[in-house]
Amino acid sequence: MEDAAPRPGRFRLRAALVLALLLLAGPTPAATATESAAEAEASPPGTVVLLHGLGRSERSMRYLERRLGSEGYRVENLGYASTEEDPEALLAHLDFHFQRCCRDAVRVHFVTHSLGGILARAYLAERRPPNLGRMVMLAPPNHGSVWVDRYGELPLFERVLGPTAASLGTDAESLPQQLEAPHYELGVLAGSRNLMLPWRSGDTHDGAVAVESAKVAGMADFRVLPETHISIKRDRRAADEVVHFLRHGCFATPDSEPSFEAGARGPAPGTLSGHPTP
């Protein structure tokens, strides 16, 4: 004998009971995970201001711009006339663009190369935005440049590189030496590889900035990569470290000295070196 078919009324009652139980129990773990991912995607991790080095333009930071954009950051790749204006004019230019692009952002980070890091430090020493996040400096001459000490008084030097380059010496009155220690989370990446002839003295350098000159009191983390002054801003490992620091306040790789290549030597310990070009 065949089983009797379920009554339509009883089926609807059971379905209503199951639906009520699901609603009372709340969303399933899979649904919660999906909603959390959607919320994270809708709330980007912040805005990043990119600042290039001396004699360069925003095009030199395009690799980092694309990488940070792919990580969900809103990126402002700012250009400035690095070889034409003095530091005061460049800082006013930076402030104008910062107020336009980033004043109302939830959180603003800085990622810089060479001179861009000195300008960012000078800017943040005078103005601390309430939405300030973290900063990563690539190959910064944080203690000035011996190249400026040697050649900065030549008429051709300032004519070619501009008044800001002439202010980057190692004396106590230079722009880098006048800056206070950072009051924000700062990570520094230095290069250890160069394609130039060895410097006569002993520090490792990237062809323009010595490793010791890149360091600054108050930095939260420091790493050395086997890259040149130019290539470090286009290096995948450097980009990985930038992203990790912006997210976590520290770099990803262990704090260990890299294997330096022959000829990657710089000024004697205790001397300060910097960058004739970024």
Protein backbone atom coordinates (compact mmCIF):
# COMPACT_ATOMS: atom_id res chain seq x y z
CA MET A 1 0.00 0.00 0.00
CA GLU A 2 1.48 3.43 -0.96
CA ASP A 3 2.15 6.07 1.71
CA ALA A 4 -0.34 8.87 1.87
CA ALA A 5 0.92 12.20 0.44
CA PRO A 6 1.70 14.86 3.09
CA ARG A 7 -0.97 17.41 3.59
CA PRO A 8 -0.18 20.85 2.11
CA GLY A 9 -1.08 22.59 5.34
CA ARG A 10 1.27 20.47 7.43
CA PHE A 11 4.15 21.09 4.90
CA ARG A 12 3.65 24.85 5.06
CA LEU A 13 3.65 24.73 8.89
CA ARG A 14 6.93 22.83 9.00
CA ALA A 15 8.56 25.24 6.52
CA ALA A 16 7.42 28.21 8.59
CA LEU A 17 8.90 26.66 11.75
CA VAL A 18 12.27 26.01 10.04
CA LEU A 19 12.40 29.59 8.70
CA ALA A 20 11.60 31.01 12.15
CA LEU A 21 14.40 28.97 13.73
CA LEU A 22 16.90 30.19 11.13
CA LEU A 23 15.95 33.80 11.73
CA LEU A 24 16.24 33.43 15.50
CA ALA A 25 19.63 31.70 15.20
CA GLY A 26 21.11 34.59 13.17
CA PRO A 27 23.32 34.43 10.07
CA THR A 28 25.35 31.35 9.33
CA PRO A 29 29.16 31.49 9.65
CA ALA A 30 29.48 31.52 5.87
CA ALA A 31 27.09 34.46 5.60
CA THR A 32 28.93 36.33 8.38
CA ALA A 33 32.28 35.80 6.64
CA THR A 34 30.85 37.03 3.36
CA GLU A 35 29.40 40.14 5.00
CA SER A 36 32.70 40.86 6.81
CA ALA A 37 34.63 40.58 3.54
CA ALA A 38 32.15 42.92 1.87
CA GLU A 39 32.50 45.44 4.71
CA ALA A 40 36.30 45.27 4.49
CA GLU A 41 36.13 45.83 0.75
CA ALA A 42 33.81 48.79 1.21
CA SER A 43 36.17 50.36 3.82
CA PRO A 44 39.63 50.78 2.23
CA PRO A 45 42.63 50.75 4.57
CA GLY A 46 43.33 54.45 4.07
CA THR A 47 44.96 56.99 1.79
CA VAL A 48 48.66 56.96 0.89
CA VAL A 49 50.57 60.08 -0.20
CA LEU A 50 53.55 59.26 -2.44
CA LEU A 51 56.47 61.72 -2.69
CA HIS A 52 59.27 61.20 -5.22
CA GLY A 53 62.92 62.20 -4.97
CA LEU A 54 65.15 64.97 -6.29
CA GLY A 55 65.03 65.53 -10.03
CA ARG A 56 62.24 63.01 -10.51
CA SER A 57 58.48 63.16 -11.03
CA GLU A 58 55.43 61.24 -9.92
CA ARG A 59 56.09 58.80 -12.79
CA SER A 60 59.00 57.37 -10.81
CA MET A 61 56.53 56.21 -8.12
CA ARG A 62 54.07 54.52 -10.49
CA TYR A 63 55.07 51.00 -9.46
CA LEU A 64 54.29 51.71 -5.81
CA GLU A 65 51.15 53.56 -6.84
CA ARG A 66 49.82 50.49 -8.65
CA ARG A 67 50.84 48.11 -5.90
CA LEU A 68 49.24 50.12 -3.10
CA GLY A 69 46.12 50.61 -5.19
CA SER A 70 45.85 46.85 -5.63
CA GLU A 71 45.98 46.51 -1.83
CA GLY A 72 42.91 48.71 -1.45
CA TYR A 73 44.57 52.03 -0.62
CA ARG A 74 43.50 55.29 -2.21
CA VAL A 75 46.77 56.69 -3.58
CA GLU A 76 47.73 60.32 -4.11
CA ASN A 77 50.94 60.40 -6.15
CA LEU A 78 52.07 64.00 -5.78
CA GLY A 79 54.54 65.71 -8.08
CA TYR A 80 56.55 68.79 -7.16
CA ALA A 81 59.27 70.97 -8.72
CA SER A 82 62.15 69.50 -6.73
CA THR A 83 64.93 71.29 -8.68
CA GLU A 84 63.22 74.67 -9.00
CA GLU A 85 61.82 75.73 -5.63
CA ASP A 86 63.32 76.25 -2.18
CA PRO A 87 62.17 74.10 0.77
CA GLU A 88 59.61 76.65 1.98
CA ALA A 89 57.91 76.80 -1.41
CA LEU A 90 57.92 73.00 -1.71
CA LEU A 91 56.35 72.62 1.74
CA ALA A 92 53.66 75.17 0.85
CA HIS A 93 52.97 73.20 -2.34
CA LEU A 94 52.72 69.97 -0.34
CA ASP A 95 50.35 71.55 2.16
CA PHE A 96 48.09 72.88 -0.61
CA HIS A 97 47.73 69.44 -2.18
CA PHE A 98 47.40 67.68 1.16
CA GLN A 99 44.52 69.94 2.19
CA ARG A 100 42.86 69.31 -1.17
CA CYS A 101 43.23 65.54 -1.29
CA CYS A 102 43.60 64.23 2.22
CA ARG A 103 42.31 66.56 4.91
CA ASP A 104 39.03 64.65 5.26
CA ALA A 105 40.46 61.16 4.74
CA VAL A 106 39.94 58.71 7.59
CA ARG A 107 43.67 57.90 7.76
CA VAL A 108 46.62 59.19 5.74
CA HIS A 109 49.98 57.44 5.31
CA PHE A 110 53.15 58.67 3.59
CA VAL A 111 55.50 56.62 1.40
CA THR A 112 58.54 58.53 0.15
CA HIS A 113 61.74 58.17 -1.81
CA SER A 114 64.97 60.09 -1.09
CA LEU A 115 64.30 63.86 -0.86
CA GLY A 116 60.56 63.17 -0.62
CA GLY A 117 61.17 61.71 2.83
CA ILE A 118 62.98 64.83 4.05
CA LEU A 119 60.13 67.01 2.81
CA ALA A 120 57.55 64.76 4.49
CA ARG A 121 59.49 64.90 7.78
CA ALA A 122 59.71 68.70 7.53
CA TYR A 123 56.00 68.96 6.76
CA LEU A 124 54.95 66.69 9.64
CA ALA A 125 57.27 68.51 12.04
CA GLU A 126 55.22 71.68 11.50
CA ARG A 127 51.80 70.17 10.95
CA ARG A 128 50.53 66.96 12.53
CA PRO A 129 47.25 66.03 10.81
CA PRO A 130 44.78 64.39 13.19
CA ASN A 131 44.30 61.61 10.63
CA LEU A 132 48.02 60.84 10.33
CA GLY A 133 48.84 57.15 9.98
CA ARG A 134 52.28 55.67 9.27
CA MET A 135 55.21 56.56 7.02
CA VAL A 136 57.77 54.50 5.11
CA MET A 137 60.90 56.21 3.75
CA LEU A 138 62.91 54.59 0.94
CA ALA A 139 66.62 55.54 0.77
CA PRO A 140 66.29 58.83 2.69
CA PRO A 141 69.35 61.06 3.39
CA ASN A 142 68.29 61.64 6.99
CA HIS A 143 71.68 63.07 7.95
CA GLY A 144 72.39 65.19 4.92
CA SER A 145 74.77 64.62 2.04
CA VAL A 146 78.56 64.81 1.81
CA TRP A 147 78.07 65.36 -1.91
CA VAL A 148 76.42 68.67 -1.07
CA ASP A 149 79.27 69.49 1.31
CA ARG A 150 81.80 68.93 -1.48
CA TYR A 151 80.01 70.44 -4.46
CA GLY A 152 77.14 72.56 -3.11
CA GLU A 153 78.99 75.87 -3.42
CA LEU A 154 79.73 75.40 -7.11
CA PRO A 155 77.53 77.70 -9.24
CA LEU A 156 76.57 74.83 -11.53
CA PHE A 157 75.34 72.71 -8.59
CA GLU A 158 72.45 74.94 -7.58
CA ARG A 159 71.75 75.91 -11.18
CA VAL A 160 71.16 72.25 -12.09
CA LEU A 161 69.80 70.74 -8.86
CA GLY A 162 68.13 73.81 -7.34
CA PRO A 163 68.07 75.55 -3.95
CA THR A 164 66.56 72.64 -2.04
CA ALA A 165 69.40 70.32 -3.04
CA ALA A 166 71.85 72.94 -1.77
CA SER A 167 70.20 72.76 1.68
CA LEU A 168 70.93 69.05 2.12
CA GLY A 169 74.44 69.21 3.54
CA THR A 170 75.64 67.60 6.76
CA ASP A 171 76.27 70.79 8.74
CA ALA A 172 74.13 71.72 11.72
CA GLU A 173 72.22 74.33 9.71
CA SER A 174 71.14 71.98 6.92
CA LEU A 175 67.51 71.01 6.43
CA PRO A 176 67.85 67.34 7.48
CA GLN A 177 69.88 68.20 10.59
CA GLN A 178 67.29 70.76 11.70
CA LEU A 179 64.42 68.27 11.75
CA GLU A 180 63.11 66.84 14.99
CA ALA A 181 62.81 63.11 15.61
CA PRO A 182 59.63 61.62 14.12
CA HIS A 183 56.59 61.60 16.43
CA TYR A 184 54.73 58.99 14.35
CA GLU A 185 55.28 55.38 13.30
CA LEU A 186 58.14 55.45 10.81
CA GLY A 187 59.81 52.62 8.90
CA VAL A 188 63.01 53.12 6.87
CA LEU A 189 64.23 50.96 3.97
CA ALA A 190 67.84 51.47 2.87
CA GLY A 191 69.69 50.08 -0.14
CA SER A 192 73.05 48.31 -0.09
CA ARG A 193 73.85 47.86 -3.78
CA ASN A 194 75.54 50.33 -6.10
CA LEU A 195 76.67 50.41 -9.71
CA MET A 196 79.33 53.06 -9.12
CA LEU A 197 82.99 52.79 -8.20
CA PRO A 198 83.57 52.03 -4.50
CA TRP A 199 83.74 55.03 -2.22
CA ARG A 200 87.12 55.40 -0.55
CA SER A 201 85.79 54.83 2.92
CA GLY A 202 83.95 51.95 4.50
CA ASP A 203 80.16 52.25 4.87
CA THR A 204 77.77 50.29 2.68
CA HIS A 205 75.66 52.48 0.38
CA ASP A 206 73.19 52.37 -2.50
CA GLY A 207 75.24 54.52 -4.85
CA ALA A 208 73.87 57.73 -3.37
CA VAL A 209 72.92 57.26 0.31
CA ALA A 210 74.86 55.33 2.94
CA VAL A 211 72.98 52.84 5.10
CA GLU A 212 73.97 54.73 8.26
CA SER A 213 72.76 58.03 6.79
CA ALA A 214 69.31 56.55 6.14
CA LYS A 215 68.76 55.82 9.83
CA VAL A 216 67.02 58.31 12.10
CA ALA A 217 66.35 58.39 15.83
CA GLY A 218 62.78 57.44 16.68
CA MET A 219 62.14 55.15 13.73
CA ALA A 220 60.00 52.12 14.54
CA ASP A 221 61.75 49.70 12.17
CA PHE A 222 64.66 49.57 9.73
CA ARG A 223 65.64 47.15 6.96
CA VAL A 224 68.39 46.95 4.36
CA LEU A 225 67.68 45.56 0.89
CA PRO A 226 70.27 44.71 -1.80
CA GLU A 227 68.99 47.43 -4.13
CA THR A 228 70.36 50.65 -5.61
CA HIS A 229 69.08 54.13 -4.86
CA ILE A 230 67.04 54.06 -8.06
CA SER A 231 65.84 50.44 -8.10
CA ILE A 232 64.59 50.26 -4.51
CA LYS A 233 61.37 52.10 -5.36
CA ARG A 234 60.61 49.56 -8.11
CA ASP A 235 61.55 46.46 -6.12
CA ARG A 236 58.87 43.89 -5.27
CA ARG A 237 60.43 43.10 -1.89
CA ALA A 238 60.49 46.76 -0.97
CA ALA A 239 56.82 47.09 -1.98
CA ASP A 240 55.98 44.04 0.16
CA GLU A 241 57.70 45.65 3.14
CA VAL A 242 55.90 48.95 2.54
CA VAL A 243 52.51 47.26 2.56
CA HIS A 244 53.37 45.22 5.67
CA PHE A 245 54.54 48.29 7.59
CA LEU A 246 51.47 50.33 6.69
CA ARG A 247 49.26 47.50 7.94
CA HIS A 248 51.19 46.37 11.03
CA GLY A 249 53.70 49.07 12.02
CA CYS A 250 56.69 46.79 11.36
CA PHE A 251 58.47 45.16 8.44
CA ALA A 252 57.90 41.53 7.52
CA THR A 253 61.44 40.21 7.10
CA PRO A 254 63.80 39.44 10.00
CA ASP A 255 66.14 42.19 11.13
CA SER A 256 69.34 40.76 9.67
CA GLU A 257 72.16 42.19 7.60
CA PRO A 258 72.00 41.28 3.90
CA SER A 259 74.81 39.71 1.93
CA PHE A 260 76.58 42.76 0.54
CA GLU A 261 78.04 42.63 -2.93
CA ALA A 262 81.66 43.43 -3.66
CA GLY A 263 82.21 47.11 -4.22
CA ALA A 264 79.09 48.18 -2.34
CA ARG A 265 81.11 50.31 0.03
CA GLY A 266 80.75 53.86 1.18
CA PRO A 267 82.21 56.47 3.51
CA ALA A 268 84.07 55.64 6.67
CA PRO A 269 82.08 54.87 9.81
CA GLY A 270 80.86 58.07 11.37
CA THR A 271 80.74 60.08 8.16
CA LEU A 272 77.47 61.12 6.66
CA SER A 273 76.56 60.54 3.06
CA GLY A 274 73.63 61.45 0.90
CA HIS A 275 72.37 61.77 -2.62
CA PRO A 276 73.55 63.82 -5.56
CA THR A 277 70.58 62.44 -7.51
CA PRO A 278 67.65 60.27 -6.35
